[in-house]
């Protein structure tokens, strides 16, 4: 079909922005990632993932918006704590019917029981947990959990009970037996537990 509308210059499709930024630690409640592309695509291809907690890959849905050339990744499974998720977007075809090289992204996830997101479990987090328990603020609930330490996946049951205490205790145990440098090299300190 003929068109006098110029769509773009044939070139490799690039990722121009990612939201939220992949350099941050992803919170448990973040389940979407938006990728802005440099040009329109006619096929968004597929996404595959591997992680410590999901070695067979996570279920991820893709949605493309031609209006702003963005791909929305919807994570259909919860993030595990202290996980590293490697994503590969492959098989994209741009507007000029050219294939695109695979795109690689890496995400790092939250520390379970770190309520103030400072990458430490300390007295501040213990206070937040105890206050939430007293007020029955179940959004602070941690358990029960599935997975293996330290890559735990909360499966909240709508009530505070011993499983929440054990999950919080597991956070402290992680801090005692796993070096912080193993997870956040730039944030490594030895004066916190």
C-alpha atoms as a PDB file:
ATOM      1  CA  UNK A   1       0.000   0.000   0.000  1.00  0.00           C
ATOM      2  CA  UNK A   2       1.227   3.471  -0.903  1.00  0.00           C
ATOM      3  CA  UNK A   3       1.439   6.143   1.750  1.00  0.00           C
ATOM      4  CA  UNK A   4       2.931   9.607   1.637  1.00  0.00           C
ATOM      5  CA  UNK A   5       3.352   9.545   5.408  1.00  0.00           C
ATOM      6  CA  UNK A   6       6.915   9.048   6.604  1.00  0.00           C
ATOM      7  CA  UNK A   7       6.955   6.683   9.560  1.00  0.00           C
ATOM      8  CA  UNK A   8      10.673   6.770  10.301  1.00  0.00           C
ATOM      9  CA  UNK A   9      14.121   5.942   9.073  1.00  0.00           C
ATOM     10  CA  UNK A  10      14.808   2.207   8.884  1.00  0.00           C
ATOM     11  CA  UNK A  11      17.143   1.520  11.787  1.00  0.00           C
ATOM     12  CA  UNK A  12      17.490  -0.836  14.719  1.00  0.00           C
ATOM     13  CA  UNK A  13      14.667  -0.457  17.237  1.00  0.00           C
ATOM     14  CA  UNK A  14      16.091   0.714  20.552  1.00  0.00           C
ATOM     15  CA  UNK A  15      14.722   1.021  24.055  1.00  0.00           C
ATOM     16  CA  UNK A  16      14.595   4.738  24.855  1.00  0.00           C
ATOM     17  CA  UNK A  17      13.246   4.542  28.415  1.00  0.00           C
ATOM     18  CA  UNK A  18      12.096   2.072  31.048  1.00  0.00           C
ATOM     19  CA  UNK A  19       9.681   2.805  33.870  1.00  0.00           C
ATOM     20  CA  UNK A  20      10.259   2.079  36.667  1.00  0.00           C
ATOM     21  CA  UNK A  21      13.990   2.335  36.099  1.00  0.00           C
ATOM     22  CA  UNK A  22      15.801  -1.010  36.235  1.00  0.00           C
ATOM     23  CA  UNK A  23      18.497   0.481  38.485  1.00  0.00           C
ATOM     24  CA  UNK A  24      16.077   0.611  41.436  1.00  0.00           C
ATOM     25  CA  UNK A  25      15.088  -2.266  43.690  1.00  0.00           C
ATOM     26  CA  UNK A  26      11.607  -3.419  42.678  1.00  0.00           C
ATOM     27  CA  UNK A  27       9.024  -3.540  45.474  1.00  0.00           C
ATOM     28  CA  UNK A  28       6.751  -6.519  46.068  1.00  0.00           C
ATOM     29  CA  UNK A  29       3.734  -4.586  44.760  1.00  0.00           C
ATOM     30  CA  UNK A  30       5.355  -3.458  41.510  1.00  0.00           C
ATOM     31  CA  UNK A  31       3.974  -5.766  38.865  1.00  0.00           C
ATOM     32  CA  UNK A  32       4.351  -3.698  35.693  1.00  0.00           C
ATOM     33  CA  UNK A  33       7.224  -2.442  33.595  1.00  0.00           C
ATOM     34  CA  UNK A  34       6.795  -0.006  30.692  1.00  0.00           C
ATOM     35  CA  UNK A  35       9.339   0.030  27.878  1.00  0.00           C
ATOM     36  CA  UNK A  36       9.423   2.957  25.435  1.00  0.00           C
ATOM     37  CA  UNK A  37      10.698   2.074  21.958  1.00  0.00           C
ATOM     38  CA  UNK A  38      12.441   4.355  19.475  1.00  0.00           C
ATOM     39  CA  UNK A  39       9.993   3.529  16.671  1.00  0.00           C
ATOM     40  CA  UNK A  40       6.795   1.620  15.925  1.00  0.00           C
ATOM     41  CA  UNK A  41       6.841  -2.165  15.695  1.00  0.00           C
ATOM     42  CA  UNK A  42       4.465  -4.478  13.857  1.00  0.00           C
ATOM     43  CA  UNK A  43       5.283  -7.480  16.061  1.00  0.00           C
ATOM     44  CA  UNK A  44       6.289  -7.134  19.711  1.00  0.00           C
ATOM     45  CA  UNK A  45       7.730 -10.629  19.801  1.00  0.00           C
ATOM     46  CA  UNK A  46       8.008 -12.494  23.077  1.00  0.00           C
ATOM     47  CA  UNK A  47       9.498 -12.062  26.522  1.00  0.00           C
ATOM     48  CA  UNK A  48      11.257 -14.771  28.464  1.00  0.00           C
ATOM     49  CA  UNK A  49      12.598 -14.636  31.978  1.00  0.00           C
ATOM     50  CA  UNK A  50      14.825 -16.514  34.349  1.00  0.00           C
ATOM     51  CA  UNK A  51      15.383 -15.849  38.002  1.00  0.00           C
ATOM     52  CA  UNK A  52      16.620 -17.524  41.135  1.00  0.00           C
ATOM     53  CA  UNK A  53      13.088 -18.065  42.455  1.00  0.00           C
ATOM     54  CA  UNK A  54      11.573 -18.881  39.045  1.00  0.00           C
ATOM     55  CA  UNK A  55      14.217 -20.913  37.174  1.00  0.00           C
ATOM     56  CA  UNK A  56      11.613 -22.011  34.613  1.00  0.00           C
ATOM     57  CA  UNK A  57      10.561 -18.385  34.061  1.00  0.00           C
ATOM     58  CA  UNK A  58       7.733 -16.167  35.243  1.00  0.00           C
ATOM     59  CA  UNK A  59       4.372 -15.684  33.568  1.00  0.00           C
ATOM     60  CA  UNK A  60       4.566 -12.248  31.905  1.00  0.00           C
ATOM     61  CA  UNK A  61       1.948 -10.666  29.638  1.00  0.00           C
ATOM     62  CA  UNK A  62       2.892  -8.182  26.898  1.00  0.00           C
ATOM     63  CA  UNK A  63       0.727  -5.336  25.601  1.00  0.00           C
ATOM     64  CA  UNK A  64       1.809  -2.923  22.866  1.00  0.00           C
ATOM     65  CA  UNK A  65       0.558   0.642  22.409  1.00  0.00           C
ATOM     66  CA  UNK A  66       1.215   1.937  18.872  1.00  0.00           C
ATOM     67  CA  UNK A  67       0.187   5.448  19.936  1.00  0.00           C
ATOM     68  CA  UNK A  68       3.266   5.976  22.102  1.00  0.00           C
ATOM     69  CA  UNK A  69       5.322   2.930  20.974  1.00  0.00           C
ATOM     70  CA  UNK A  70       5.426   1.381  24.436  1.00  0.00           C
ATOM     71  CA  UNK A  71       5.369  -2.209  25.571  1.00  0.00           C
ATOM     72  CA  UNK A  72       3.754  -2.937  28.925  1.00  0.00           C
ATOM     73  CA  UNK A  73       5.081  -6.002  30.722  1.00  0.00           C
ATOM     74  CA  UNK A  74       2.625  -7.323  33.303  1.00  0.00           C
ATOM     75  CA  UNK A  75       4.153  -9.757  35.802  1.00  0.00           C
ATOM     76  CA  UNK A  76       1.436 -12.319  36.492  1.00  0.00           C
ATOM     77  CA  UNK A  77       3.326 -13.931  39.375  1.00  0.00           C
ATOM     78  CA  UNK A  78       4.583 -12.213  42.533  1.00  0.00           C
ATOM     79  CA  UNK A  79       8.211 -11.199  42.899  1.00  0.00           C
ATOM     80  CA  UNK A  80      10.341 -13.177  45.345  1.00  0.00           C
ATOM     81  CA  UNK A  81      12.495 -11.301  47.823  1.00  0.00           C
ATOM     82  CA  UNK A  82      16.124 -10.698  46.898  1.00  0.00           C
ATOM     83  CA  UNK A  83      15.599 -12.116  43.432  1.00  0.00           C
ATOM     84  CA  UNK A  84      17.390 -11.191  40.233  1.00  0.00           C
ATOM     85  CA  UNK A  85      15.134 -11.413  37.190  1.00  0.00           C
ATOM     86  CA  UNK A  86      16.728 -11.541  33.751  1.00  0.00           C
ATOM     87  CA  UNK A  87      14.380 -10.634  30.900  1.00  0.00           C
ATOM     88  CA  UNK A  88      14.911 -11.167  27.175  1.00  0.00           C
ATOM     89  CA  UNK A  89      12.649  -9.480  24.624  1.00  0.00           C
ATOM     90  CA  UNK A  90      13.078 -11.284  21.327  1.00  0.00           C
ATOM     91  CA  UNK A  91      11.447 -11.485  17.923  1.00  0.00           C
ATOM     92  CA  UNK A  92      10.425  -7.821  17.601  1.00  0.00           C
ATOM     93  CA  UNK A  93       9.756  -6.667  14.049  1.00  0.00           C
ATOM     94  CA  UNK A  94       9.832  -2.938  13.333  1.00  0.00           C
ATOM     95  CA  UNK A  95       7.521  -0.905  11.093  1.00  0.00           C
ATOM     96  CA  UNK A  96       9.743  -1.540   8.039  1.00  0.00           C
ATOM     97  CA  UNK A  97       9.485  -5.316   8.567  1.00  0.00           C
ATOM     98  CA  UNK A  98      13.039  -5.636   9.876  1.00  0.00           C
ATOM     99  CA  UNK A  99      13.843  -7.885  12.798  1.00  0.00           C
ATOM    100  CA  UNK A 100      15.446  -6.445  15.891  1.00  0.00           C
ATOM    101  CA  UNK A 101      18.209  -7.857  18.045  1.00  0.00           C
ATOM    102  CA  UNK A 102      17.196  -9.268  21.413  1.00  0.00           C
ATOM    103  CA  UNK A 103      16.858  -6.763  24.252  1.00  0.00           C
ATOM    104  CA  UNK A 104      18.168  -7.739  27.712  1.00  0.00           C
ATOM    105  CA  UNK A 105      17.022  -6.320  31.048  1.00  0.00           C
ATOM    106  CA  UNK A 106      17.831  -7.226  34.646  1.00  0.00           C
ATOM    107  CA  UNK A 107      15.615  -6.435  37.643  1.00  0.00           C
ATOM    108  CA  UNK A 108      16.478  -6.721  41.343  1.00  0.00           C
ATOM    109  CA  UNK A 109      13.719  -7.236  43.891  1.00  0.00           C
ATOM    110  CA  UNK A 110      13.009  -6.067  47.429  1.00  0.00           C
ATOM    111  CA  UNK A 111      14.177  -7.338  50.816  1.00  0.00           C
ATOM    112  CA  UNK A 112      11.273  -9.007  52.652  1.00  0.00           C
ATOM    113  CA  UNK A 113      10.475  -7.209  55.957  1.00  0.00           C
ATOM    114  CA  UNK A 114      12.336  -4.038  54.880  1.00  0.00           C
ATOM    115  CA  UNK A 115       9.333  -1.747  55.285  1.00  0.00           C
ATOM    116  CA  UNK A 116      11.200   1.540  54.774  1.00  0.00           C
ATOM    117  CA  UNK A 117      13.133   0.310  51.694  1.00  0.00           C
ATOM    118  CA  UNK A 118      16.599   1.154  53.001  1.00  0.00           C
ATOM    119  CA  UNK A 119      17.940  -2.341  52.179  1.00  0.00           C
ATOM    120  CA  UNK A 120      18.307  -3.124  55.879  1.00  0.00           C
ATOM    121  CA  UNK A 121      16.168  -4.946  58.397  1.00  0.00           C
ATOM    122  CA  UNK A 122      16.579  -3.077  61.650  1.00  0.00           C
ATOM    123  CA  UNK A 123      14.702  -1.660  64.639  1.00  0.00           C
ATOM    124  CA  UNK A 124      12.759   0.710  62.373  1.00  0.00           C
ATOM    125  CA  UNK A 125      11.315  -2.233  60.455  1.00  0.00           C
ATOM    126  CA  UNK A 126      10.634  -4.132  63.684  1.00  0.00           C
ATOM    127  CA  UNK A 127       8.734  -1.099  65.013  1.00  0.00           C
ATOM    128  CA  UNK A 128       6.717  -0.848  61.794  1.00  0.00           C
ATOM    129  CA  UNK A 129       5.909  -4.569  61.978  1.00  0.00           C
ATOM    130  CA  UNK A 130       4.879  -4.413  65.655  1.00  0.00           C
ATOM    131  CA  UNK A 131       2.757  -1.288  65.082  1.00  0.00           C
ATOM    132  CA  UNK A 132       1.021  -2.890  62.106  1.00  0.00           C
ATOM    133  CA  UNK A 133       0.404  -6.059  64.118  1.00  0.00           C
ATOM    134  CA  UNK A 134      -1.146  -4.054  66.993  1.00  0.00           C
ATOM    135  CA  UNK A 135      -3.345  -2.058  64.602  1.00  0.00           C
ATOM    136  CA  UNK A 136      -4.126  -5.165  62.498  1.00  0.00           C
ATOM    137  CA  UNK A 137      -2.865  -3.390  59.364  1.00  0.00           C
ATOM    138  CA  UNK A 138      -2.718  -6.512  57.228  1.00  0.00           C
ATOM    139  CA  UNK A 139      -0.990  -4.713  54.349  1.00  0.00           C
ATOM    140  CA  UNK A 140       2.191  -5.233  56.450  1.00  0.00           C
ATOM    141  CA  UNK A 141       1.593  -8.974  56.666  1.00  0.00           C
ATOM    142  CA  UNK A 142       4.573 -11.117  55.602  1.00  0.00           C
ATOM    143  CA  UNK A 143       3.395 -14.710  55.771  1.00  0.00           C
ATOM    144  CA  UNK A 144       2.894 -17.355  55.046  1.00  0.00           C
ATOM    145  CA  UNK A 145       5.693 -17.592  52.499  1.00  0.00           C
ATOM    146  CA  UNK A 146       6.785 -20.028  49.828  1.00  0.00           C
ATOM    147  CA  UNK A 147      10.176 -20.466  48.219  1.00  0.00           C
ATOM    148  CA  UNK A 148      13.603 -20.887  49.735  1.00  0.00           C
ATOM    149  CA  UNK A 149      15.563 -18.492  51.923  1.00  0.00           C
ATOM    150  CA  UNK A 150      16.371 -15.769  51.015  1.00  0.00           C
ATOM    151  CA  UNK A 151      14.106 -15.832  47.931  1.00  0.00           C
ATOM    152  CA  UNK A 152      10.742 -15.958  49.670  1.00  0.00           C
ATOM    153  CA  UNK A 153       7.380 -15.213  48.088  1.00  0.00           C
ATOM    154  CA  UNK A 154       4.728 -13.878  50.480  1.00  0.00           C
ATOM    155  CA  UNK A 155       1.330 -15.561  50.234  1.00  0.00           C
ATOM    156  CA  UNK A 156      -0.728 -13.333  52.581  1.00  0.00           C
ATOM    157  CA  UNK A 157      -3.666 -14.966  54.326  1.00  0.00           C
ATOM    158  CA  UNK A 158      -5.357 -11.794  55.607  1.00  0.00           C
ATOM    159  CA  UNK A 159      -4.332 -12.153  59.250  1.00  0.00           C
ATOM    160  CA  UNK A 160      -1.327 -11.723  61.490  1.00  0.00           C
ATOM    161  CA  UNK A 161      -0.141 -14.990  63.006  1.00  0.00           C
ATOM    162  CA  UNK A 162       2.963 -16.966  63.835  1.00  0.00           C
ATOM    163  CA  UNK A 163       3.802 -17.341  60.134  1.00  0.00           C
ATOM    164  CA  UNK A 164       4.246 -13.559  59.883  1.00  0.00           C
ATOM    165  CA  UNK A 165       6.608 -13.601  62.870  1.00  0.00           C
ATOM    166  CA  UNK A 166       8.577 -16.450  61.308  1.00  0.00           C
ATOM    167  CA  UNK A 167       8.814 -14.551  57.999  1.00  0.00           C
ATOM    168  CA  UNK A 168      10.081 -11.462  59.822  1.00  0.00           C
ATOM    169  CA  UNK A 169      12.525 -13.641  61.765  1.00  0.00           C
ATOM    170  CA  UNK A 170      13.703 -15.141  58.499  1.00  0.00           C
ATOM    171  CA  UNK A 171      14.512 -11.593  57.376  1.00  0.00           C
ATOM    172  CA  UNK A 172      16.720 -11.124  60.405  1.00  0.00           C
ATOM    173  CA  UNK A 173      18.289 -14.541  59.818  1.00  0.00           C
ATOM    174  CA  UNK A 174      19.018 -13.546  56.220  1.00  0.00           C
ATOM    175  CA  UNK A 175      20.775 -10.467  57.519  1.00  0.00           C
ATOM    176  CA  UNK A 176      22.882 -12.520  59.932  1.00  0.00           C
ATOM    177  CA  UNK A 177      23.840 -15.369  57.607  1.00  0.00           C
ATOM    178  CA  UNK A 178      23.887 -13.755  54.171  1.00  0.00           C
ATOM    179  CA  UNK A 179      26.279 -10.915  53.619  1.00  0.00           C
ATOM    180  CA  UNK A 180      24.663  -7.719  52.371  1.00  0.00           C
ATOM    181  CA  UNK A 181      27.364  -7.500  49.701  1.00  0.00           C
ATOM    182  CA  UNK A 182      25.864 -10.627  48.129  1.00  0.00           C
ATOM    183  CA  UNK A 183      22.765  -8.638  47.237  1.00  0.00           C
ATOM    184  CA  UNK A 184      23.623  -4.919  47.093  1.00  0.00           C
ATOM    185  CA  UNK A 185      27.353  -4.378  46.572  1.00  0.00           C
ATOM    186  CA  UNK A 186      27.043  -0.580  46.449  1.00  0.00           C
ATOM    187  CA  UNK A 187      25.096  -0.446  49.723  1.00  0.00           C
ATOM    188  CA  UNK A 188      27.359  -2.731  51.733  1.00  0.00           C
ATOM    189  CA  UNK A 189      27.845  -1.720  55.344  1.00  0.00           C
ATOM    190  CA  UNK A 190      28.776  -3.645  58.445  1.00  0.00           C
ATOM    191  CA  UNK A 191      27.180  -1.473  61.136  1.00  0.00           C
ATOM    192  CA  UNK A 192      23.609  -2.738  60.649  1.00  0.00           C
ATOM    193  CA  UNK A 193      22.027  -6.129  61.266  1.00  0.00           C
END
